[in-house]
């Protein structure tokens, strides 16, 4: 069984979005996101699972995210996606499909908040790649508390870019 990981950035209030987009522009975070979600063994690629609103928030030139199997969650079975993008009615259905494809090395959940909330409750979710944005960004979308089920196992030094201070952290599921 393949595991699932979350890739997300949040502020000091656990905010992850505002008005349907990211409330910050941090190129280093985008570079890390790409590196984490594209790194795969030769001959394989990774899957990125996202809700419909997250899909729609991606700039046209990055949709679908290149080098990854894009899976969009929508309750509308006829929701239009480009050829090669998979559509799934639920996170469980997306996981099942990704797990059954031997070309997929790793599975990443990239948003939105409801999809991440579901992923956090699933035992298959073993890791969170977190960009901790220090300070508050007046967000209107928030992550639920994950501190009781995950523990920080790595934290890189703080950086600053575009007036935001941030650090990259890795969180892993606590042993039961």
N, C-alpha and C. Protein backbone atom coordinates (compact mmCIF):
# COMPACT_ATOMS: atom_id res chain seq x y z
N UNK A 1 0.84 -1.19 0.00
CA UNK A 1 0.00 0.00 0.00
C UNK A 1 0.88 1.25 0.00
N UNK A 2 0.57 2.17 -0.90
CA UNK A 2 1.31 3.42 -0.98
C UNK A 2 0.84 4.36 0.13
N UNK A 3 1.74 5.21 0.57
CA UNK A 3 1.36 6.21 1.57
C UNK A 3 1.00 7.51 0.86
N UNK A 4 0.41 8.38 1.63
CA UNK A 4 -0.02 9.67 1.12
C UNK A 4 0.65 10.74 1.98
N UNK A 5 1.06 11.83 1.33
CA UNK A 5 1.69 12.94 2.03
C UNK A 5 0.97 14.23 1.66
N UNK A 6 1.02 15.20 2.55
CA UNK A 6 0.39 16.49 2.32
C UNK A 6 1.49 17.51 2.08
N UNK A 7 1.27 18.42 1.14
CA UNK A 7 2.17 19.54 0.91
C UNK A 7 1.34 20.80 1.06
N UNK A 8 1.72 21.65 2.04
CA UNK A 8 0.90 22.83 2.34
C UNK A 8 1.76 23.92 2.98
N UNK A 9 1.31 25.15 2.82
CA UNK A 9 1.92 26.29 3.52
C UNK A 9 0.85 26.90 4.42
N UNK A 10 1.24 27.30 5.63
CA UNK A 10 0.26 27.91 6.54
C UNK A 10 0.92 29.00 7.35
N UNK A 11 0.07 29.94 7.82
CA UNK A 11 0.58 31.03 8.65
C UNK A 11 0.45 30.68 10.12
N UNK A 12 0.73 31.65 10.99
CA UNK A 12 0.73 31.42 12.44
C UNK A 12 -0.65 31.06 12.99
N UNK A 13 -1.71 31.38 12.26
CA UNK A 13 -3.06 31.02 12.67
C UNK A 13 -3.56 29.75 11.99
N UNK A 14 -2.65 29.04 11.34
CA UNK A 14 -2.96 27.85 10.55
C UNK A 14 -3.80 28.18 9.33
N UNK A 15 -3.69 29.42 8.88
CA UNK A 15 -4.37 29.84 7.66
C UNK A 15 -3.61 29.39 6.44
N UNK A 16 -4.37 28.95 5.41
CA UNK A 16 -3.72 28.46 4.19
C UNK A 16 -4.20 29.18 2.93
N UNK A 17 -5.23 30.01 3.04
CA UNK A 17 -5.71 30.67 1.84
C UNK A 17 -6.59 31.87 2.16
N UNK A 18 -6.76 32.69 1.13
CA UNK A 18 -7.64 33.85 1.27
C UNK A 18 -8.22 34.15 -0.11
N UNK A 19 -9.54 34.21 -0.17
CA UNK A 19 -10.19 34.56 -1.41
C UNK A 19 -9.92 33.60 -2.56
N UNK A 20 -9.71 32.33 -2.25
CA UNK A 20 -9.49 31.33 -3.29
C UNK A 20 -8.07 31.26 -3.83
N UNK A 21 -7.12 31.89 -3.13
CA UNK A 21 -5.73 31.80 -3.58
C UNK A 21 -4.80 31.88 -2.38
N UNK A 22 -3.51 31.76 -2.66
CA UNK A 22 -2.53 31.88 -1.59
C UNK A 22 -2.40 33.34 -1.18
N UNK A 23 -2.32 33.63 0.11
CA UNK A 23 -2.22 35.02 0.57
C UNK A 23 -0.79 35.55 0.54
N UNK A 24 0.14 34.79 0.01
CA UNK A 24 1.53 35.21 -0.07
C UNK A 24 2.10 34.72 -1.40
N UNK A 25 3.16 35.36 -1.83
CA UNK A 25 3.91 34.89 -3.00
C UNK A 25 5.34 34.67 -2.53
N UNK A 26 5.67 33.39 -2.36
CA UNK A 26 7.00 33.01 -1.88
C UNK A 26 7.60 32.05 -2.90
N UNK A 27 8.41 32.55 -3.83
CA UNK A 27 8.99 31.69 -4.86
C UNK A 27 9.72 30.46 -4.31
N UNK A 28 10.41 30.59 -3.18
CA UNK A 28 11.12 29.44 -2.61
C UNK A 28 10.13 28.33 -2.21
N UNK A 29 8.95 28.72 -1.73
CA UNK A 29 7.93 27.75 -1.38
C UNK A 29 7.44 27.03 -2.64
N UNK A 30 7.21 27.78 -3.71
CA UNK A 30 6.76 27.17 -4.96
C UNK A 30 7.82 26.22 -5.52
N UNK A 31 9.08 26.61 -5.40
CA UNK A 31 10.18 25.76 -5.86
C UNK A 31 10.24 24.46 -5.05
N UNK A 32 10.07 24.58 -3.74
CA UNK A 32 10.08 23.39 -2.88
C UNK A 32 8.88 22.50 -3.21
N UNK A 33 7.71 23.10 -3.40
CA UNK A 33 6.51 22.35 -3.76
C UNK A 33 6.77 21.51 -5.01
N UNK A 34 7.34 22.14 -6.02
CA UNK A 34 7.63 21.42 -7.26
C UNK A 34 8.64 20.29 -7.03
N UNK A 35 9.70 20.59 -6.29
CA UNK A 35 10.73 19.58 -6.02
C UNK A 35 10.16 18.38 -5.27
N UNK A 36 9.36 18.64 -4.24
CA UNK A 36 8.79 17.55 -3.44
C UNK A 36 7.82 16.70 -4.27
N UNK A 37 6.97 17.36 -5.04
CA UNK A 37 5.93 16.62 -5.75
C UNK A 37 6.37 16.00 -7.07
N UNK A 38 7.55 16.37 -7.56
CA UNK A 38 8.02 15.77 -8.82
C UNK A 38 9.11 14.72 -8.62
N UNK A 39 9.77 14.70 -7.48
CA UNK A 39 10.88 13.74 -7.27
C UNK A 39 10.33 12.31 -7.24
N UNK A 40 10.74 11.53 -8.23
CA UNK A 40 10.28 10.14 -8.34
C UNK A 40 11.36 9.30 -9.00
N UNK A 41 11.36 8.00 -8.73
CA UNK A 41 12.34 7.12 -9.37
C UNK A 41 12.19 7.14 -10.90
N UNK A 42 13.26 6.83 -11.58
CA UNK A 42 13.27 6.78 -13.04
C UNK A 42 12.14 5.87 -13.55
N UNK A 43 11.38 6.36 -14.49
CA UNK A 43 10.29 5.57 -15.07
C UNK A 43 8.98 5.71 -14.32
N UNK A 44 8.97 6.46 -13.24
CA UNK A 44 7.75 6.66 -12.48
C UNK A 44 7.50 8.16 -12.32
N UNK A 45 6.33 8.50 -11.86
CA UNK A 45 5.97 9.88 -11.55
C UNK A 45 5.05 9.85 -10.33
N UNK A 46 4.76 11.00 -9.79
CA UNK A 46 3.91 11.09 -8.60
C UNK A 46 2.52 11.57 -8.96
N UNK A 47 1.59 11.34 -8.06
CA UNK A 47 0.23 11.84 -8.21
C UNK A 47 0.02 13.01 -7.26
N UNK A 48 -0.68 14.04 -7.73
CA UNK A 48 -1.09 15.15 -6.88
C UNK A 48 -2.62 15.18 -6.89
N UNK A 49 -3.19 15.10 -5.69
CA UNK A 49 -4.64 15.09 -5.53
C UNK A 49 -5.07 16.45 -5.01
N UNK A 50 -6.09 17.01 -5.66
CA UNK A 50 -6.57 18.33 -5.25
C UNK A 50 -8.07 18.43 -5.48
N UNK A 51 -8.69 19.28 -4.68
CA UNK A 51 -10.10 19.57 -4.89
C UNK A 51 -10.30 20.44 -6.11
N UNK A 52 -11.53 20.52 -6.56
CA UNK A 52 -11.88 21.30 -7.75
C UNK A 52 -11.47 22.76 -7.62
N UNK A 53 -11.72 23.35 -6.45
CA UNK A 53 -11.38 24.77 -6.28
C UNK A 53 -9.87 25.00 -6.35
N UNK A 54 -9.09 24.09 -5.80
CA UNK A 54 -7.64 24.19 -5.89
C UNK A 54 -7.21 24.08 -7.35
N UNK A 55 -7.78 23.12 -8.07
CA UNK A 55 -7.51 22.96 -9.50
C UNK A 55 -7.79 24.27 -10.24
N UNK A 56 -8.94 24.87 -9.98
CA UNK A 56 -9.34 26.09 -10.67
C UNK A 56 -8.47 27.28 -10.28
N UNK A 57 -7.84 27.22 -9.11
CA UNK A 57 -6.98 28.33 -8.66
C UNK A 57 -5.60 28.29 -9.31
N UNK A 58 -5.23 27.16 -9.91
CA UNK A 58 -3.91 27.07 -10.55
C UNK A 58 -3.89 27.94 -11.80
N UNK A 59 -2.81 28.68 -12.02
CA UNK A 59 -2.71 29.47 -13.26
C UNK A 59 -2.81 28.55 -14.47
N UNK A 60 -3.46 29.01 -15.51
CA UNK A 60 -3.67 28.20 -16.72
C UNK A 60 -2.38 27.56 -17.23
N UNK A 61 -1.28 28.32 -17.18
CA UNK A 61 -0.03 27.79 -17.73
C UNK A 61 0.54 26.63 -16.91
N UNK A 62 0.05 26.43 -15.68
CA UNK A 62 0.51 25.33 -14.84
C UNK A 62 -0.55 24.24 -14.66
N UNK A 63 -1.62 24.32 -15.42
CA UNK A 63 -2.72 23.38 -15.27
C UNK A 63 -2.83 22.54 -16.53
N UNK A 64 -2.60 21.23 -16.44
CA UNK A 64 -2.26 20.46 -15.25
C UNK A 64 -0.80 20.68 -14.84
N UNK A 65 -0.51 20.38 -13.57
CA UNK A 65 0.85 20.49 -13.06
C UNK A 65 1.72 19.50 -13.83
N UNK A 66 2.74 19.97 -14.53
CA UNK A 66 3.53 19.08 -15.38
C UNK A 66 4.35 18.06 -14.59
N UNK A 67 4.55 16.90 -15.21
CA UNK A 67 5.39 15.86 -14.63
C UNK A 67 4.74 15.10 -13.51
N UNK A 68 3.46 15.32 -13.27
CA UNK A 68 2.73 14.64 -12.21
C UNK A 68 1.36 14.20 -12.73
N UNK A 69 0.85 13.11 -12.17
CA UNK A 69 -0.52 12.71 -12.49
C UNK A 69 -1.46 13.57 -11.67
N UNK A 70 -2.17 14.47 -12.30
CA UNK A 70 -3.12 15.34 -11.62
C UNK A 70 -4.43 14.60 -11.42
N UNK A 71 -4.95 14.63 -10.20
CA UNK A 71 -6.24 14.02 -9.88
C UNK A 71 -7.09 15.10 -9.23
N UNK A 72 -8.23 15.39 -9.85
CA UNK A 72 -9.12 16.43 -9.38
C UNK A 72 -10.35 15.78 -8.74
N UNK A 73 -10.68 16.24 -7.54
CA UNK A 73 -11.87 15.73 -6.85
C UNK A 73 -13.06 16.62 -7.16
N UNK A 74 -14.13 15.99 -7.60
CA UNK A 74 -15.37 16.72 -7.87
C UNK A 74 -16.53 15.76 -7.77
N UNK A 75 -17.62 16.24 -7.20
CA UNK A 75 -18.84 15.43 -7.13
C UNK A 75 -19.59 15.44 -8.45
N UNK A 76 -19.17 16.30 -9.37
CA UNK A 76 -19.79 16.38 -10.70
C UNK A 76 -19.07 15.39 -11.63
N UNK A 77 -19.71 14.27 -11.98
CA UNK A 77 -19.03 13.27 -12.82
C UNK A 77 -18.67 13.78 -14.21
N UNK A 78 -19.30 14.85 -14.66
CA UNK A 78 -18.99 15.38 -15.99
C UNK A 78 -18.14 16.66 -15.91
N UNK A 79 -17.53 16.92 -14.74
CA UNK A 79 -16.69 18.11 -14.61
C UNK A 79 -15.58 18.02 -15.66
N UNK A 80 -15.41 19.09 -16.46
CA UNK A 80 -14.43 19.01 -17.56
C UNK A 80 -12.99 19.14 -17.09
N UNK A 81 -12.20 18.13 -17.40
CA UNK A 81 -10.75 18.17 -17.14
C UNK A 81 -10.05 17.80 -18.45
N UNK A 82 -8.84 18.31 -18.64
CA UNK A 82 -8.10 17.97 -19.86
C UNK A 82 -7.75 16.48 -19.94
N UNK A 83 -7.48 16.05 -21.14
CA UNK A 83 -7.06 14.65 -21.34
C UNK A 83 -5.83 14.37 -20.49
N UNK A 84 -5.83 13.22 -19.84
CA UNK A 84 -4.71 12.82 -18.99
C UNK A 84 -4.91 13.16 -17.52
N UNK A 85 -5.82 14.07 -17.22
CA UNK A 85 -6.13 14.40 -15.82
C UNK A 85 -7.24 13.46 -15.38
N UNK A 86 -7.06 12.89 -14.20
CA UNK A 86 -8.07 11.98 -13.67
C UNK A 86 -9.07 12.75 -12.83
N UNK A 87 -10.31 12.33 -12.89
CA UNK A 87 -11.38 12.90 -12.08
C UNK A 87 -11.82 11.83 -11.09
N UNK A 88 -12.01 12.19 -9.83
CA UNK A 88 -12.45 11.24 -8.81
C UNK A 88 -13.52 11.91 -7.96
N UNK A 89 -14.47 11.12 -7.48
CA UNK A 89 -15.58 11.65 -6.69
C UNK A 89 -15.21 11.81 -5.22
N UNK A 90 -14.13 11.18 -4.78
CA UNK A 90 -13.74 11.26 -3.37
C UNK A 90 -12.25 11.04 -3.22
N UNK A 91 -11.73 11.41 -2.07
CA UNK A 91 -10.32 11.18 -1.78
C UNK A 91 -10.02 9.68 -1.78
N UNK A 92 -10.91 8.89 -1.21
CA UNK A 92 -10.72 7.43 -1.20
C UNK A 92 -10.64 6.87 -2.61
N UNK A 93 -11.52 7.33 -3.48
CA UNK A 93 -11.51 6.86 -4.88
C UNK A 93 -10.21 7.27 -5.58
N UNK A 94 -9.75 8.48 -5.31
CA UNK A 94 -8.50 8.95 -5.91
C UNK A 94 -7.32 8.11 -5.43
N UNK A 95 -7.30 7.81 -4.13
CA UNK A 95 -6.22 6.98 -3.58
C UNK A 95 -6.23 5.59 -4.19
N UNK A 96 -7.41 5.00 -4.29
CA UNK A 96 -7.52 3.66 -4.87
C UNK A 96 -6.97 3.63 -6.28
N UNK A 97 -7.35 4.62 -7.08
CA UNK A 97 -6.87 4.66 -8.46
C UNK A 97 -5.36 4.87 -8.52
N UNK A 98 -4.84 5.79 -7.72
CA UNK A 98 -3.39 6.06 -7.72
C UNK A 98 -2.61 4.84 -7.22
N UNK A 99 -3.13 4.17 -6.21
CA UNK A 99 -2.44 2.98 -5.68
C UNK A 99 -2.39 1.85 -6.70
N UNK A 100 -3.38 1.78 -7.58
CA UNK A 100 -3.44 0.68 -8.54
C UNK A 100 -2.54 0.90 -9.76
N UNK A 101 -1.98 2.08 -9.90
CA UNK A 101 -1.13 2.38 -11.05
C UNK A 101 0.34 2.21 -10.66
N UNK A 102 1.01 1.18 -11.20
CA UNK A 102 2.41 0.94 -10.81
C UNK A 102 3.37 2.05 -11.26
N UNK A 103 2.93 2.93 -12.16
CA UNK A 103 3.79 4.03 -12.61
C UNK A 103 3.84 5.16 -11.59
N UNK A 104 2.92 5.15 -10.62
CA UNK A 104 2.89 6.22 -9.61
C UNK A 104 3.71 5.81 -8.41
N UNK A 105 4.71 6.63 -8.09
CA UNK A 105 5.61 6.34 -6.98
C UNK A 105 5.05 6.84 -5.66
N UNK A 106 4.63 8.10 -5.61
CA UNK A 106 4.16 8.71 -4.36
C UNK A 106 2.88 9.49 -4.63
N UNK A 107 2.10 9.67 -3.57
CA UNK A 107 0.82 10.35 -3.67
C UNK A 107 0.85 11.57 -2.74
N UNK A 108 0.52 12.74 -3.29
CA UNK A 108 0.52 13.97 -2.52
C UNK A 108 -0.85 14.64 -2.58
N UNK A 109 -1.33 15.08 -1.43
CA UNK A 109 -2.54 15.90 -1.35
C UNK A 109 -2.08 17.34 -1.27
N UNK A 110 -2.63 18.20 -2.15
CA UNK A 110 -2.13 19.57 -2.21
C UNK A 110 -3.21 20.61 -1.92
N UNK A 111 -4.40 20.21 -1.58
CA UNK A 111 -5.44 21.18 -1.23
C UNK A 111 -6.78 20.81 -1.84
N UNK A 112 -7.76 21.49 -1.44
CA UNK A 112 -7.87 22.53 -0.48
C UNK A 112 -8.05 22.01 0.95
N UNK A 113 -8.56 22.90 1.78
CA UNK A 113 -8.65 22.61 3.21
C UNK A 113 -9.50 21.38 3.50
N UNK A 114 -10.62 21.20 2.80
CA UNK A 114 -11.48 20.04 3.07
C UNK A 114 -10.77 18.74 2.70
N UNK A 115 -10.05 18.75 1.59
CA UNK A 115 -9.33 17.54 1.17
C UNK A 115 -8.21 17.24 2.16
N UNK A 116 -7.49 18.27 2.60
CA UNK A 116 -6.42 18.07 3.59
C UNK A 116 -7.02 17.58 4.90
N UNK A 117 -8.14 18.15 5.30
CA UNK A 117 -8.81 17.72 6.53
C UNK A 117 -9.12 16.22 6.48
N UNK A 118 -9.65 15.76 5.36
CA UNK A 118 -9.93 14.32 5.19
C UNK A 118 -8.65 13.51 5.23
N UNK A 119 -7.62 13.97 4.53
CA UNK A 119 -6.35 13.23 4.47
C UNK A 119 -5.73 13.07 5.86
N UNK A 120 -5.82 14.11 6.67
CA UNK A 120 -5.23 14.05 8.02
C UNK A 120 -5.83 12.94 8.87
N UNK A 121 -7.07 12.54 8.60
CA UNK A 121 -7.72 11.49 9.39
C UNK A 121 -7.41 10.09 8.90
N UNK A 122 -6.78 9.98 7.74
CA UNK A 122 -6.53 8.65 7.14
C UNK A 122 -5.16 8.12 7.56
N UNK A 123 -5.11 6.87 8.02
CA UNK A 123 -3.82 6.28 8.40
C UNK A 123 -2.79 6.28 7.27
N UNK A 124 -3.24 6.27 6.02
CA UNK A 124 -2.31 6.28 4.89
C UNK A 124 -1.53 7.59 4.81
N UNK A 125 -2.03 8.63 5.44
CA UNK A 125 -1.35 9.93 5.44
C UNK A 125 -0.26 9.89 6.51
N UNK A 126 0.99 9.84 6.06
CA UNK A 126 2.10 9.63 6.98
C UNK A 126 2.99 10.86 7.19
N UNK A 127 2.87 11.85 6.29
CA UNK A 127 3.82 12.96 6.36
C UNK A 127 3.18 14.25 5.86
N UNK A 128 3.63 15.37 6.45
CA UNK A 128 3.23 16.70 6.00
C UNK A 128 4.49 17.48 5.67
N UNK A 129 4.58 17.98 4.44
CA UNK A 129 5.65 18.88 4.04
C UNK A 129 5.08 20.28 4.22
N UNK A 130 5.50 20.95 5.27
CA UNK A 130 4.89 22.21 5.67
C UNK A 130 5.84 23.39 5.47
N UNK A 131 5.32 24.42 4.82
CA UNK A 131 6.00 25.70 4.82
C UNK A 131 5.32 26.52 5.90
N UNK A 132 6.04 26.78 6.98
CA UNK A 132 5.51 27.55 8.11
C UNK A 132 5.80 29.02 7.84
N UNK A 133 4.74 29.75 7.49
CA UNK A 133 4.89 31.19 7.24
C UNK A 133 4.70 31.89 8.57
N UNK A 134 5.74 32.58 9.03
CA UNK A 134 5.69 33.24 10.33
C UNK A 134 4.94 34.55 10.16
N UNK A 135 4.03 34.81 11.06
CA UNK A 135 3.18 35.97 10.93
C UNK A 135 1.79 35.56 10.49
N UNK A 136 0.92 36.55 10.38
CA UNK A 136 -0.48 36.30 10.04
C UNK A 136 -0.80 36.93 8.70
N UNK A 137 -1.60 36.22 7.90
CA UNK A 137 -1.88 36.67 6.54
C UNK A 137 -3.35 36.96 6.30
N UNK A 138 -4.13 37.14 7.36
CA UNK A 138 -5.55 37.46 7.21
C UNK A 138 -6.26 36.44 6.32
N UNK A 139 -6.06 35.17 6.64
CA UNK A 139 -6.64 34.08 5.84
C UNK A 139 -8.12 33.88 6.16
N UNK A 140 -8.82 33.25 5.20
CA UNK A 140 -10.20 32.87 5.44
C UNK A 140 -10.40 31.35 5.32
N UNK A 141 -9.31 30.62 5.11
CA UNK A 141 -9.33 29.16 5.05
C UNK A 141 -8.22 28.65 5.96
N UNK A 142 -8.56 27.68 6.81
CA UNK A 142 -7.62 27.22 7.83
C UNK A 142 -7.50 25.71 7.86
N UNK A 143 -6.33 25.24 8.32
CA UNK A 143 -6.11 23.83 8.56
C UNK A 143 -6.63 23.47 9.95
N UNK A 144 -7.11 22.25 10.11
CA UNK A 144 -7.44 21.81 11.47
C UNK A 144 -6.14 21.53 12.23
N UNK A 145 -6.25 21.44 13.53
CA UNK A 145 -5.09 21.14 14.36
C UNK A 145 -4.59 19.72 14.05
N UNK A 146 -3.32 19.58 13.79
CA UNK A 146 -2.73 18.27 13.51
C UNK A 146 -1.62 17.93 14.50
N UNK A 147 -1.42 18.78 15.51
CA UNK A 147 -0.31 18.61 16.43
C UNK A 147 -0.42 17.37 17.31
N UNK A 148 -1.63 16.87 17.52
CA UNK A 148 -1.77 15.68 18.36
C UNK A 148 -1.48 14.40 17.60
N UNK A 149 -1.55 14.44 16.26
CA UNK A 149 -1.32 13.23 15.48
C UNK A 149 -0.02 13.25 14.69
N UNK A 150 0.60 14.42 14.55
CA UNK A 150 1.86 14.53 13.82
C UNK A 150 2.89 15.24 14.69
N UNK A 151 4.15 14.92 14.44
CA UNK A 151 5.24 15.55 15.18
C UNK A 151 6.27 16.08 14.18
N UNK A 152 6.83 17.24 14.48
CA UNK A 152 7.84 17.84 13.61
C UNK A 152 9.15 17.06 13.74
N UNK A 153 9.65 16.54 12.61
CA UNK A 153 10.88 15.75 12.62
C UNK A 153 12.04 16.46 11.95
N UNK A 154 11.76 17.55 11.25
CA UNK A 154 12.83 18.32 10.61
C UNK A 154 12.36 19.76 10.40
N UNK A 155 13.27 20.69 10.64
CA UNK A 155 12.96 22.11 10.44
C UNK A 155 14.20 22.79 9.90
N UNK A 156 14.08 23.38 8.73
CA UNK A 156 15.20 24.10 8.14
C UNK A 156 15.25 25.51 8.71
N UNK A 157 16.40 26.17 8.59
CA UNK A 157 16.52 27.53 9.10
C UNK A 157 15.52 28.49 8.44
N UNK A 158 15.18 29.53 9.17
CA UNK A 158 14.26 30.53 8.65
C UNK A 158 14.86 31.24 7.44
N UNK A 159 13.96 31.61 6.53
CA UNK A 159 14.34 32.37 5.33
C UNK A 159 13.39 33.55 5.23
N UNK A 160 13.73 34.48 4.35
CA UNK A 160 12.86 35.63 4.13
C UNK A 160 12.79 35.89 2.63
N UNK A 161 11.57 36.17 2.16
CA UNK A 161 11.38 36.46 0.75
C UNK A 161 10.07 37.24 0.59
N UNK A 162 10.08 38.29 -0.20
CA UNK A 162 8.89 39.11 -0.44
C UNK A 162 8.19 39.54 0.86
N UNK A 163 8.99 39.94 1.83
CA UNK A 163 8.50 40.42 3.13
C UNK A 163 7.83 39.34 3.98
N UNK A 164 8.07 38.07 3.67
CA UNK A 164 7.56 36.96 4.49
C UNK A 164 8.73 36.19 5.05
N UNK A 165 8.66 35.88 6.34
CA UNK A 165 9.64 35.00 6.98
C UNK A 165 8.99 33.63 7.07
N UNK A 166 9.74 32.59 6.73
CA UNK A 166 9.17 31.25 6.67
C UNK A 166 10.26 30.21 6.90
N UNK A 167 9.83 29.00 7.18
CA UNK A 167 10.77 27.87 7.26
C UNK A 167 10.07 26.63 6.75
N UNK A 168 10.86 25.71 6.26
CA UNK A 168 10.35 24.44 5.76
C UNK A 168 10.44 23.39 6.86
N UNK A 169 9.34 22.71 7.11
CA UNK A 169 9.28 21.68 8.15
C UNK A 169 8.75 20.39 7.57
N UNK A 170 9.14 19.30 8.20
CA UNK A 170 8.58 17.99 7.88
C UNK A 170 7.93 17.44 9.14
N UNK A 171 6.69 17.03 9.02
CA UNK A 171 5.93 16.46 10.12
C UNK A 171 5.58 15.03 9.78
N UNK A 172 5.72 14.13 10.75
CA UNK A 172 5.38 12.73 10.52
C UNK A 172 4.35 12.26 11.53
N UNK A 173 3.53 11.30 11.08
CA UNK A 173 2.47 10.77 11.95
C UNK A 173 3.10 10.12 13.16
N UNK A 174 2.53 10.43 14.33
CA UNK A 174 3.01 9.81 15.57
C UNK A 174 2.66 8.33 15.57
N UNK A 175 3.50 7.53 16.17
CA UNK A 175 3.21 6.11 16.32
C UNK A 175 2.04 5.94 17.30
N UNK A 176 1.19 4.99 17.01
CA UNK A 176 0.03 4.76 17.88
C UNK A 176 0.41 4.11 19.18
